[in-house]
Amino acid sequence: MEAPQYVAARVQRALAEDERTTELGVRVDVRSDQLYLRGQVTSADRRELIAKVAGEAAPGLAVHNEIDVVSVVEPVREEQL
């Protein structure tokens, strides 16, 4: 069986390199046959796509998608420094 840190690294690389996601901000943890995804994204569609790519990169592991969807809004006025 492959070491958990190698599986996590493979999944993170897939998330970064897959043209569907190009995601660098998601943390990947592997425990036994469980894969945990944590972080923040801006849409539910993106959240699901990340889980799909992660599952493809680590077949046979149960994917737990704990990624939060946050809304990003433009500032109302210019910030004064």
PDB file of N, CA and C in Angstrom:
ATOM      1  N   MET A   1       0.843  -1.192   0.000  1.00  0.00           N
ATOM      2  CA  MET A   1       0.000   0.000   0.000  1.00  0.00           C
ATOM      3  C   MET A   1       0.884   1.250   0.000  1.00  0.00           C
ATOM      4  N   GLU A   2       0.502   2.235  -0.764  1.00  0.00           N
ATOM      5  CA  GLU A   2       1.263   3.477  -0.905  1.00  0.00           C
ATOM      6  C   GLU A   2       1.144   4.327   0.362  1.00  0.00           C
ATOM      7  N   ALA A   3       2.226   4.957   0.769  1.00  0.00           N
ATOM      8  CA  ALA A   3       2.231   5.794   1.975  1.00  0.00           C
ATOM      9  C   ALA A   3       1.272   6.975   1.816  1.00  0.00           C
ATOM     10  N   PRO A   4       0.559   7.324   2.884  1.00  0.00           N
ATOM     11  CA  PRO A   4      -0.431   8.411   2.803  1.00  0.00           C
ATOM     12  C   PRO A   4       0.133   9.729   2.271  1.00  0.00           C
ATOM     13  N   GLN A   5       1.360  10.078   2.655  1.00  0.00           N
ATOM     14  CA  GLN A   5       1.914  11.352   2.194  1.00  0.00           C
ATOM     15  C   GLN A   5       2.141  11.356   0.688  1.00  0.00           C
ATOM     16  N   TYR A   6       2.436  10.184   0.109  1.00  0.00           N
ATOM     17  CA  TYR A   6       2.609  10.105  -1.335  1.00  0.00           C
ATOM     18  C   TYR A   6       1.268  10.226  -2.065  1.00  0.00           C
ATOM     19  N   VAL A   7       0.247   9.630  -1.490  1.00  0.00           N
ATOM     20  CA  VAL A   7      -1.092   9.750  -2.082  1.00  0.00           C
ATOM     21  C   VAL A   7      -1.531  11.208  -2.034  1.00  0.00           C
ATOM     22  N   ALA A   8      -1.354  11.858  -0.880  1.00  0.00           N
ATOM     23  CA  ALA A   8      -1.740  13.266  -0.735  1.00  0.00           C
ATOM     24  C   ALA A   8      -0.982  14.135  -1.733  1.00  0.00           C
ATOM     25  N   ALA A   9       0.313  13.891  -1.900  1.00  0.00           N
ATOM     26  CA  ALA A   9       1.115  14.664  -2.851  1.00  0.00           C
ATOM     27  C   ALA A   9       0.632  14.445  -4.283  1.00  0.00           C
ATOM     28  N   ARG A  10       0.285  13.209  -4.620  1.00  0.00           N
ATOM     29  CA  ARG A  10      -0.222  12.917  -5.961  1.00  0.00           C
ATOM     30  C   ARG A  10      -1.534  13.653  -6.222  1.00  0.00           C
ATOM     31  N   VAL A  11      -2.424  13.671  -5.228  1.00  0.00           N
ATOM     32  CA  VAL A  11      -3.710  14.352  -5.382  1.00  0.00           C
ATOM     33  C   VAL A  11      -3.487  15.860  -5.504  1.00  0.00           C
ATOM     34  N   GLN A  12      -2.623  16.432  -4.674  1.00  0.00           N
ATOM     35  CA  GLN A  12      -2.359  17.874  -4.760  1.00  0.00           C
ATOM     36  C   GLN A  12      -1.763  18.240  -6.115  1.00  0.00           C
ATOM     37  N   ARG A  13      -0.900  17.385  -6.613  1.00  0.00           N
ATOM     38  CA  ARG A  13      -0.317  17.646  -7.931  1.00  0.00           C
ATOM     39  C   ARG A  13      -1.397  17.580  -9.014  1.00  0.00           C
ATOM     40  N   ALA A  14      -2.286  16.601  -8.919  1.00  0.00           N
ATOM     41  CA  ALA A  14      -3.372  16.485  -9.895  1.00  0.00           C
ATOM     42  C   ALA A  14      -4.269  17.722  -9.850  1.00  0.00           C
ATOM     43  N   LEU A  15      -4.575  18.206  -8.652  1.00  0.00           N
ATOM     44  CA  LEU A  15      -5.415  19.399  -8.532  1.00  0.00           C
ATOM     45  C   LEU A  15      -4.730  20.617  -9.133  1.00  0.00           C
ATOM     46  N   ALA A  16      -3.411  20.705  -8.981  1.00  0.00           N
ATOM     47  CA  ALA A  16      -2.669  21.845  -9.519  1.00  0.00           C
ATOM     48  C   ALA A  16      -2.516  21.759 -11.033  1.00  0.00           C
ATOM     49  N   GLU A  17      -2.306  20.557 -11.561  1.00  0.00           N
ATOM     50  CA  GLU A  17      -1.976  20.406 -12.971  1.00  0.00           C
ATOM     51  C   GLU A  17      -3.162  20.132 -13.878  1.00  0.00           C
ATOM     52  N   ASP A  18      -4.267  19.644 -13.327  1.00  0.00           N
ATOM     53  CA  ASP A  18      -5.437  19.348 -14.158  1.00  0.00           C
ATOM     54  C   ASP A  18      -6.040  20.661 -14.649  1.00  0.00           C
ATOM     55  N   GLU A  19      -6.237  20.780 -15.957  1.00  0.00           N
ATOM     56  CA  GLU A  19      -6.753  22.031 -16.530  1.00  0.00           C
ATOM     57  C   GLU A  19      -8.168  22.354 -16.061  1.00  0.00           C
ATOM     58  N   ARG A  20      -8.885  21.369 -15.529  1.00  0.00           N
ATOM     59  CA  ARG A  20     -10.231  21.642 -15.011  1.00  0.00           C
ATOM     60  C   ARG A  20     -10.196  22.364 -13.678  1.00  0.00           C
ATOM     61  N   THR A  21      -9.092  22.222 -12.939  1.00  0.00           N
ATOM     62  CA  THR A  21      -9.047  22.799 -11.597  1.00  0.00           C
ATOM     63  C   THR A  21      -7.928  23.819 -11.410  1.00  0.00           C
ATOM     64  N   THR A  22      -6.713  23.508 -11.794  1.00  0.00           N
ATOM     65  CA  THR A  22      -5.532  24.338 -11.525  1.00  0.00           C
ATOM     66  C   THR A  22      -5.608  24.947 -10.123  1.00  0.00           C
ATOM     67  N   GLU A  23      -5.816  24.102  -9.141  1.00  0.00           N
ATOM     68  CA  GLU A  23      -6.057  24.525  -7.767  1.00  0.00           C
ATOM     69  C   GLU A  23      -4.833  24.307  -6.897  1.00  0.00           C
ATOM     70  N   LEU A  24      -4.403  25.363  -6.209  1.00  0.00           N
ATOM     71  CA  LEU A  24      -3.257  25.275  -5.313  1.00  0.00           C
ATOM     72  C   LEU A  24      -3.640  25.450  -3.847  1.00  0.00           C
ATOM     73  N   GLY A  25      -4.856  25.921  -3.586  1.00  0.00           N
ATOM     74  CA  GLY A  25      -5.223  26.298  -2.226  1.00  0.00           C
ATOM     75  C   GLY A  25      -6.006  25.277  -1.426  1.00  0.00           C
ATOM     76  N   VAL A  26      -6.069  24.051  -1.888  1.00  0.00           N
ATOM     77  CA  VAL A  26      -6.811  23.024  -1.153  1.00  0.00           C
ATOM     78  C   VAL A  26      -5.832  22.107  -0.432  1.00  0.00           C
ATOM     79  N   ARG A  27      -6.085  21.872   0.845  1.00  0.00           N
ATOM     80  CA  ARG A  27      -5.243  20.965   1.629  1.00  0.00           C
ATOM     81  C   ARG A  27      -5.780  19.545   1.486  1.00  0.00           C
ATOM     82  N   VAL A  28      -4.885  18.606   1.295  1.00  0.00           N
ATOM     83  CA  VAL A  28      -5.252  17.202   1.115  1.00  0.00           C
ATOM     84  C   VAL A  28      -4.634  16.394   2.252  1.00  0.00           C
ATOM     85  N   ASP A  29      -5.476  15.647   2.955  1.00  0.00           N
ATOM     86  CA  ASP A  29      -5.001  14.750   4.014  1.00  0.00           C
ATOM     87  C   ASP A  29      -5.502  13.342   3.711  1.00  0.00           C
ATOM     88  N   VAL A  30      -4.645  12.353   3.933  1.00  0.00           N
ATOM     89  CA  VAL A  30      -5.016  10.951   3.731  1.00  0.00           C
ATOM     90  C   VAL A  30      -4.817  10.212   5.042  1.00  0.00           C
ATOM     91  N   ARG A  31      -5.870   9.510   5.453  1.00  0.00           N
ATOM     92  CA  ARG A  31      -5.802   8.660   6.638  1.00  0.00           C
ATOM     93  C   ARG A  31      -6.442   7.329   6.278  1.00  0.00           C
ATOM     94  N   SER A  32      -5.621   6.312   6.285  1.00  0.00           N
ATOM     95  CA  SER A  32      -6.082   4.975   5.925  1.00  0.00           C
ATOM     96  C   SER A  32      -6.647   5.023   4.509  1.00  0.00           C
ATOM     97  N   ASP A  33      -7.926   4.662   4.337  1.00  0.00           N
ATOM     98  CA  ASP A  33      -8.545   4.706   3.008  1.00  0.00           C
ATOM     99  C   ASP A  33      -9.469   5.904   2.857  1.00  0.00           C
ATOM    100  N   GLN A  34      -9.192   6.956   3.607  1.00  0.00           N
ATOM    101  CA  GLN A  34     -10.008   8.173   3.601  1.00  0.00           C
ATOM    102  C   GLN A  34      -9.186   9.350   3.081  1.00  0.00           C
ATOM    103  N   LEU A  35      -9.773  10.134   2.183  1.00  0.00           N
ATOM    104  CA  LEU A  35      -9.139  11.316   1.609  1.00  0.00           C
ATOM    105  C   LEU A  35      -9.951  12.534   2.023  1.00  0.00           C
ATOM    106  N   TYR A  36      -9.302  13.488   2.667  1.00  0.00           N
ATOM    107  CA  TYR A  36      -9.986  14.692   3.148  1.00  0.00           C
ATOM    108  C   TYR A  36      -9.504  15.903   2.362  1.00  0.00           C
ATOM    109  N   LEU A  37     -10.454  16.693   1.874  1.00  0.00           N
ATOM    110  CA  LEU A  37     -10.152  17.926   1.150  1.00  0.00           C
ATOM    111  C   LEU A  37     -10.632  19.092   2.002  1.00  0.00           C
ATOM    112  N   ARG A  38      -9.749  20.064   2.242  1.00  0.00           N
ATOM    113  CA  ARG A  38     -10.116  21.223   3.063  1.00  0.00           C
ATOM    114  C   ARG A  38      -9.581  22.494   2.405  1.00  0.00           C
ATOM    115  N   GLY A  39     -10.345  23.543   2.534  1.00  0.00           N
ATOM    116  CA  GLY A  39      -9.944  24.829   1.976  1.00  0.00           C
ATOM    117  C   GLY A  39     -11.174  25.651   1.656  1.00  0.00           C
ATOM    118  N   GLN A  40     -10.983  26.653   0.812  1.00  0.00           N
ATOM    119  CA  GLN A  40     -12.083  27.530   0.424  1.00  0.00           C
ATOM    120  C   GLN A  40     -12.053  27.751  -1.082  1.00  0.00           C
ATOM    121  N   VAL A  41     -13.243  27.761  -1.675  1.00  0.00           N
ATOM    122  CA  VAL A  41     -13.398  28.070  -3.095  1.00  0.00           C
ATOM    123  C   VAL A  41     -14.579  29.019  -3.247  1.00  0.00           C
ATOM    124  N   THR A  42     -14.759  29.533  -4.454  1.00  0.00           N
ATOM    125  CA  THR A  42     -15.782  30.554  -4.662  1.00  0.00           C
ATOM    126  C   THR A  42     -17.099  30.042  -5.228  1.00  0.00           C
ATOM    127  N   SER A  43     -17.204  28.742  -5.522  1.00  0.00           N
ATOM    128  CA  SER A  43     -18.484  28.236  -6.031  1.00  0.00           C
ATOM    129  C   SER A  43     -18.660  26.757  -5.705  1.00  0.00           C
ATOM    130  N   ALA A  44     -19.921  26.345  -5.612  1.00  0.00           N
ATOM    131  CA  ALA A  44     -20.232  24.945  -5.340  1.00  0.00           C
ATOM    132  C   ALA A  44     -19.788  24.053  -6.505  1.00  0.00           C
ATOM    133  N   ASP A  45     -19.902  24.562  -7.729  1.00  0.00           N
ATOM    134  CA  ASP A  45     -19.454  23.784  -8.902  1.00  0.00           C
ATOM    135  C   ASP A  45     -17.963  23.490  -8.819  1.00  0.00           C
ATOM    136  N   ARG A  46     -17.189  24.490  -8.431  1.00  0.00           N
ATOM    137  CA  ARG A  46     -15.735  24.305  -8.303  1.00  0.00           C
ATOM    138  C   ARG A  46     -15.429  23.300  -7.198  1.00  0.00           C
ATOM    139  N   ARG A  47     -16.157  23.394  -6.107  1.00  0.00           N
ATOM    140  CA  ARG A  47     -15.995  22.469  -4.979  1.00  0.00           C
ATOM    141  C   ARG A  47     -16.188  21.025  -5.441  1.00  0.00           C
ATOM    142  N   GLU A  48     -17.240  20.779  -6.205  1.00  0.00           N
ATOM    143  CA  GLU A  48     -17.538  19.434  -6.696  1.00  0.00           C
ATOM    144  C   GLU A  48     -16.511  18.964  -7.719  1.00  0.00           C
ATOM    145  N   LEU A  49     -16.055  19.857  -8.575  1.00  0.00           N
ATOM    146  CA  LEU A  49     -15.059  19.490  -9.580  1.00  0.00           C
ATOM    147  C   LEU A  49     -13.730  19.102  -8.921  1.00  0.00           C
ATOM    148  N   ILE A  50     -13.359  19.815  -7.882  1.00  0.00           N
ATOM    149  CA  ILE A  50     -12.133  19.487  -7.153  1.00  0.00           C
ATOM    150  C   ILE A  50     -12.242  18.090  -6.549  1.00  0.00           C
ATOM    151  N   ALA A  51     -13.402  17.778  -5.973  1.00  0.00           N
ATOM    152  CA  ALA A  51     -13.608  16.443  -5.399  1.00  0.00           C
ATOM    153  C   ALA A  51     -13.527  15.371  -6.480  1.00  0.00           C
ATOM    154  N   LYS A  52     -14.057  15.669  -7.658  1.00  0.00           N
ATOM    155  CA  LYS A  52     -14.020  14.703  -8.758  1.00  0.00           C
ATOM    156  C   LYS A  52     -12.586  14.422  -9.196  1.00  0.00           C
ATOM    157  N   VAL A  53     -11.802  15.476  -9.391  1.00  0.00           N
ATOM    158  CA  VAL A  53     -10.407  15.313  -9.812  1.00  0.00           C
ATOM    159  C   VAL A  53      -9.620  14.567  -8.735  1.00  0.00           C
ATOM    160  N   ALA A  54      -9.855  14.898  -7.469  1.00  0.00           N
ATOM    161  CA  ALA A  54      -9.162  14.216  -6.375  1.00  0.00           C
ATOM    162  C   ALA A  54      -9.498  12.734  -6.365  1.00  0.00           C
ATOM    163  N   GLY A  55     -10.769  12.409  -6.572  1.00  0.00           N
ATOM    164  CA  GLY A  55     -11.187  11.013  -6.610  1.00  0.00           C
ATOM    165  C   GLY A  55     -10.558  10.252  -7.764  1.00  0.00           C
ATOM    166  N   GLU A  56     -10.413  10.918  -8.894  1.00  0.00           N
ATOM    167  CA  GLU A  56      -9.760  10.289 -10.050  1.00  0.00           C
ATOM    168  C   GLU A  56      -8.280  10.024  -9.766  1.00  0.00           C
ATOM    169  N   ALA A  57      -7.647  10.908  -9.005  1.00  0.00           N
ATOM    170  CA  ALA A  57      -6.223  10.772  -8.704  1.00  0.00           C
ATOM    171  C   ALA A  57      -5.959   9.723  -7.626  1.00  0.00           C
ATOM    172  N   ALA A  58      -6.988   9.403  -6.842  1.00  0.00           N
ATOM    173  CA  ALA A  58      -6.826   8.425  -5.755  1.00  0.00           C
ATOM    174  C   ALA A  58      -8.005   7.461  -5.750  1.00  0.00           C
ATOM    175  N   PRO A  59      -8.131   6.650  -6.803  1.00  0.00           N
ATOM    176  CA  PRO A  59      -9.256   5.716  -6.857  1.00  0.00           C
ATOM    177  C   PRO A  59      -9.195   4.733  -5.693  1.00  0.00           C
ATOM    178  N   GLY A  60     -10.348   4.390  -5.184  1.00  0.00           N
ATOM    179  CA  GLY A  60     -10.412   3.447  -4.076  1.00  0.00           C
ATOM    180  C   GLY A  60     -10.461   4.115  -2.715  1.00  0.00           C
ATOM    181  N   LEU A  61     -10.199   5.421  -2.659  1.00  0.00           N
ATOM    182  CA  LEU A  61     -10.299   6.128  -1.390  1.00  0.00           C
ATOM    183  C   LEU A  61     -11.644   6.836  -1.295  1.00  0.00           C
ATOM    184  N   ALA A  62     -12.190   6.872  -0.094  1.00  0.00           N
ATOM    185  CA  ALA A  62     -13.432   7.616   0.148  1.00  0.00           C
ATOM    186  C   ALA A  62     -13.077   9.089   0.278  1.00  0.00           C
ATOM    187  N   VAL A  63     -13.688   9.943  -0.558  1.00  0.00           N
ATOM    188  CA  VAL A  63     -13.385  11.365  -0.563  1.00  0.00           C
ATOM    189  C   VAL A  63     -14.352  12.090   0.369  1.00  0.00           C
ATOM    190  N   HIS A  64     -13.788  12.830   1.322  1.00  0.00           N
ATOM    191  CA  HIS A  64     -14.574  13.667   2.235  1.00  0.00           C
ATOM    192  C   HIS A  64     -14.313  15.111   1.834  1.00  0.00           C
ATOM    193  N   ASN A  65     -15.301  15.717   1.206  1.00  0.00           N
ATOM    194  CA  ASN A  65     -15.152  17.074   0.687  1.00  0.00           C
ATOM    195  C   ASN A  65     -15.568  18.067   1.775  1.00  0.00           C
ATOM    196  N   GLU A  66     -14.588  18.609   2.467  1.00  0.00           N
ATOM    197  CA  GLU A  66     -14.843  19.573   3.542  1.00  0.00           C
ATOM    198  C   GLU A  66     -14.479  20.989   3.104  1.00  0.00           C
ATOM    199  N   ILE A  67     -14.483  21.220   1.803  1.00  0.00           N
ATOM    200  CA  ILE A  67     -14.156  22.536   1.247  1.00  0.00           C
ATOM    201  C   ILE A  67     -15.343  23.468   1.459  1.00  0.00           C
ATOM    202  N   ASP A  68     -15.059  24.673   1.949  1.00  0.00           N
ATOM    203  CA  ASP A  68     -16.089  25.683   2.157  1.00  0.00           C
ATOM    204  C   ASP A  68     -16.238  26.546   0.910  1.00  0.00           C
ATOM    205  N   VAL A  69     -17.481  26.935   0.626  1.00  0.00           N
ATOM    206  CA  VAL A  69     -17.752  27.859  -0.463  1.00  0.00           C
ATOM    207  C   VAL A  69     -17.923  29.242   0.156  1.00  0.00           C
ATOM    208  N   VAL A  70     -17.107  30.178  -0.293  1.00  0.00           N
ATOM    209  CA  VAL A  70     -17.169  31.542   0.224  1.00  0.00           C
ATOM    210  C   VAL A  70     -17.468  32.489  -0.929  1.00  0.00           C
ATOM    211  N   SER A  71     -18.182  33.543  -0.625  1.00  0.00           N
ATOM    212  CA  SER A  71     -18.467  34.520  -1.671  1.00  0.00           C
ATOM    213  C   SER A  71     -17.420  35.618  -1.629  1.00  0.00           C
ATOM    214  N   VAL A  72     -16.995  36.010  -2.798  1.00  0.00           N
ATOM    215  CA  VAL A  72     -16.004  37.067  -2.931  1.00  0.00           C
ATOM    216  C   VAL A  72     -16.723  38.260  -3.541  1.00  0.00           C
ATOM    217  N   VAL A  73     -16.684  39.377  -2.838  1.00  0.00           N
ATOM    218  CA  VAL A  73     -17.358  40.579  -3.335  1.00  0.00           C
ATOM    219  C   VAL A  73     -16.332  41.692  -3.526  1.00  0.00           C
ATOM    220  N   GLU A  74     -16.612  42.531  -4.481  1.00  0.00           N
ATOM    221  CA  GLU A  74     -15.762  43.683  -4.733  1.00  0.00           C
ATOM    222  C   GLU A  74     -15.947  44.694  -3.607  1.00  0.00           C
ATOM    223  N   PRO A  75     -14.897  45.401  -3.237  1.00  0.00           N
ATOM    224  CA  PRO A  75     -15.050  46.427  -2.203  1.00  0.00           C
ATOM    225  C   PRO A  75     -15.990  47.526  -2.681  1.00  0.00           C
ATOM    226  N   VAL A  76     -16.742  48.071  -1.747  1.00  0.00           N
ATOM    227  CA  VAL A  76     -17.714  49.117  -2.073  1.00  0.00           C
ATOM    228  C   VAL A  76     -16.996  50.408  -2.441  1.00  0.00           C
ATOM    229  N   ARG A  77     -15.920  50.697  -1.736  1.00  0.00           N
ATOM    230  CA  ARG A  77     -15.160  51.906  -2.045  1.00  0.00           C
ATOM    231  C   ARG A  77     -13.674  51.598  -1.977  1.00  0.00           C
ATOM    232  N   GLU A  78     -12.908  52.504  -2.509  1.00  0.00           N
ATOM    233  CA  GLU A  78     -11.463  52.324  -2.517  1.00  0.00           C
ATOM    234  C   GLU A  78     -10.909  52.469  -1.111  1.00  0.00           C
ATOM    235  N   GLU A  79      -9.982  51.561  -0.783  1.00  0.00           N
ATOM    236  CA  GLU A  79      -9.367  51.604   0.536  1.00  0.00           C
ATOM    237  C   GLU A  79      -8.291  52.685   0.567  1.00  0.00           C
ATOM    238  N   GLN A  80      -8.304  53.483   1.630  1.00  0.00           N
ATOM    239  CA  GLN A  80      -7.296  54.528   1.806  1.00  0.00           C
ATOM    240  C   GLN A  80      -6.213  54.012   2.726  1.00  0.00           C
ATOM    241  N   LEU A  81      -4.964  54.095   2.285  1.00  0.00           N
ATOM    242  CA  LEU A  81      -3.847  53.641   3.113  1.00  0.00           C
ATOM    243  C   LEU A  81      -3.110  54.811   3.704  1.00  0.00           C
TER     244      LEU A  81
END
